[in-house]
Protein backbone atom coordinates (compact mmCIF):
# COMPACT_ATOMS: atom_id res chain seq x y z
CA MET A 1 68.45 95.63 -31.81
CA THR A 2 70.89 97.62 -29.59
CA THR A 3 73.78 95.44 -28.08
CA ALA A 4 76.23 96.30 -25.32
CA LYS A 5 79.32 94.48 -24.10
CA THR A 6 82.27 95.29 -21.80
CA SER A 7 84.99 93.68 -23.41
CA SER A 8 86.13 92.86 -26.59
CA ALA A 9 88.48 90.10 -25.79
CA ALA A 10 88.10 87.19 -28.45
CA GLY A 11 88.17 83.51 -27.72
CA ASP A 12 85.95 80.72 -25.98
CA GLY A 13 83.92 81.95 -23.15
CA TYR A 14 81.05 82.46 -20.98
CA TRP A 15 78.65 85.90 -21.27
CA THR A 16 75.79 86.93 -19.96
CA ILE A 17 72.63 88.19 -21.90
CA GLN A 18 69.82 90.28 -20.57
CA ILE A 19 66.78 91.14 -22.74
CA ILE A 20 65.53 94.55 -22.98
CA GLY A 21 61.99 95.53 -23.08
CA GLY A 22 60.09 98.01 -25.86
CA ASP A 23 59.81 100.63 -23.11
CA GLY A 24 63.81 100.56 -22.13
CA VAL A 25 63.53 98.48 -19.44
CA GLU A 26 64.34 94.87 -19.46
CA ALA A 27 61.84 92.38 -20.10
CA GLY A 28 62.96 89.97 -17.34
CA ARG A 29 64.89 87.48 -19.27
CA ARG A 30 68.36 86.59 -17.99
CA PHE A 31 70.48 84.02 -19.97
CA VAL A 32 74.31 82.86 -19.77
CA CYS A 33 75.67 81.00 -22.82
CA HIS A 34 78.98 79.54 -23.70
CA ALA A 35 80.04 80.64 -26.87
CA HIS A 36 83.31 80.25 -29.23
CA ASP A 37 83.87 84.17 -29.61
CA GLU A 38 81.97 87.40 -29.47
CA ALA A 39 80.52 86.77 -32.80
CA GLN A 40 78.45 83.88 -31.81
CA ALA A 41 77.43 85.20 -28.25
CA GLN A 42 76.17 88.09 -30.15
CA THR A 43 74.19 85.32 -32.50
CA ILE A 44 73.07 83.47 -29.71
CA ALA A 45 71.86 86.69 -27.77
CA GLY A 46 69.48 87.52 -30.90
CA HIS A 47 68.24 84.15 -31.04
CA LEU A 48 67.30 84.51 -27.54
CA ALA A 49 65.79 87.87 -27.85
CA GLY A 50 63.75 86.96 -30.87
CA ALA A 51 61.83 89.71 -32.92
CA GLY A 52 58.27 90.71 -31.09
CA ARG A 53 57.53 94.28 -30.73
CA GLU A 54 57.99 94.02 -26.98
CA VAL A 55 61.66 93.30 -27.52
CA LYS A 56 64.03 96.72 -28.08
CA GLY A 57 67.05 94.24 -27.95
CA PHE A 58 69.93 92.82 -25.87
CA ASP A 59 72.66 93.52 -23.48
CA TYR A 60 75.48 90.84 -23.38
CA HIS A 61 78.96 90.77 -21.26
CA ARG A 62 81.75 88.59 -21.46
CA ILE A 63 82.26 86.76 -17.85
CA ASP A 64 84.79 84.98 -16.53
CA ASN A 65 83.39 81.45 -15.14
CA PRO A 66 82.56 81.98 -11.46
CA VAL A 67 84.02 78.94 -9.20
CA GLY A 68 81.88 77.33 -6.48
CA ARG A 69 77.89 77.14 -6.37
CA TYR A 70 77.51 79.04 -9.38
CA GLN A 71 80.17 77.56 -11.84
CA LEU A 72 79.02 77.16 -15.56
CA ALA A 73 79.46 73.67 -17.15
CA LEU A 74 77.41 74.93 -20.50
CA ALA A 75 78.47 72.87 -23.79
CA VAL A 76 79.72 75.39 -26.35
CA GLY A 77 76.96 77.07 -28.17
CA GLN A 78 74.63 76.33 -24.97
CA SER A 79 72.61 78.97 -23.65
CA GLU A 80 70.91 78.82 -19.82
CA ARG A 81 68.09 80.64 -18.36
CA VAL A 82 68.76 82.61 -15.35
CA HIS A 83 65.90 82.62 -12.73
CA ASP A 84 67.75 82.70 -9.68
CA MET A 85 68.61 86.30 -8.87
CA ALA A 86 71.49 85.78 -6.57
CA ALA A 87 73.34 83.44 -9.39
CA TRP A 88 72.50 86.77 -11.87
CA ALA A 89 74.01 88.87 -9.22
CA VAL A 90 77.32 86.60 -9.20
CA PHE A 91 77.45 86.48 -13.06
CA GLU A 92 77.14 90.18 -13.09
CA ALA A 93 80.08 90.64 -10.63
CA ALA A 94 82.22 88.06 -12.86
CA ARG A 95 82.01 90.49 -16.19
CA ARG A 96 85.44 91.40 -17.48
CA SER A 97 86.28 94.97 -17.85
CA ALA A 98 87.22 96.40 -21.34
């Protein structure tokens, strides 16, 4: 699996996860998760990606929890699929810089 991240910051936080299809394009599955640290976020991403031939890997990025309508309240270790493209755009904008 391939992975990419934008931050090496340690500690409890939220992450976006995007599953990448075998042809190099996104497989259309997007998630947010709450993890203790980067290692747990990567484990969650690997679990969500699975091991099918159609899956090339995943990207995961640390984000700041948005405020307002899209604020996250996930328990540590929990993930949630993101279907709403407006919500995904907010999460992408909340990425932490490296």
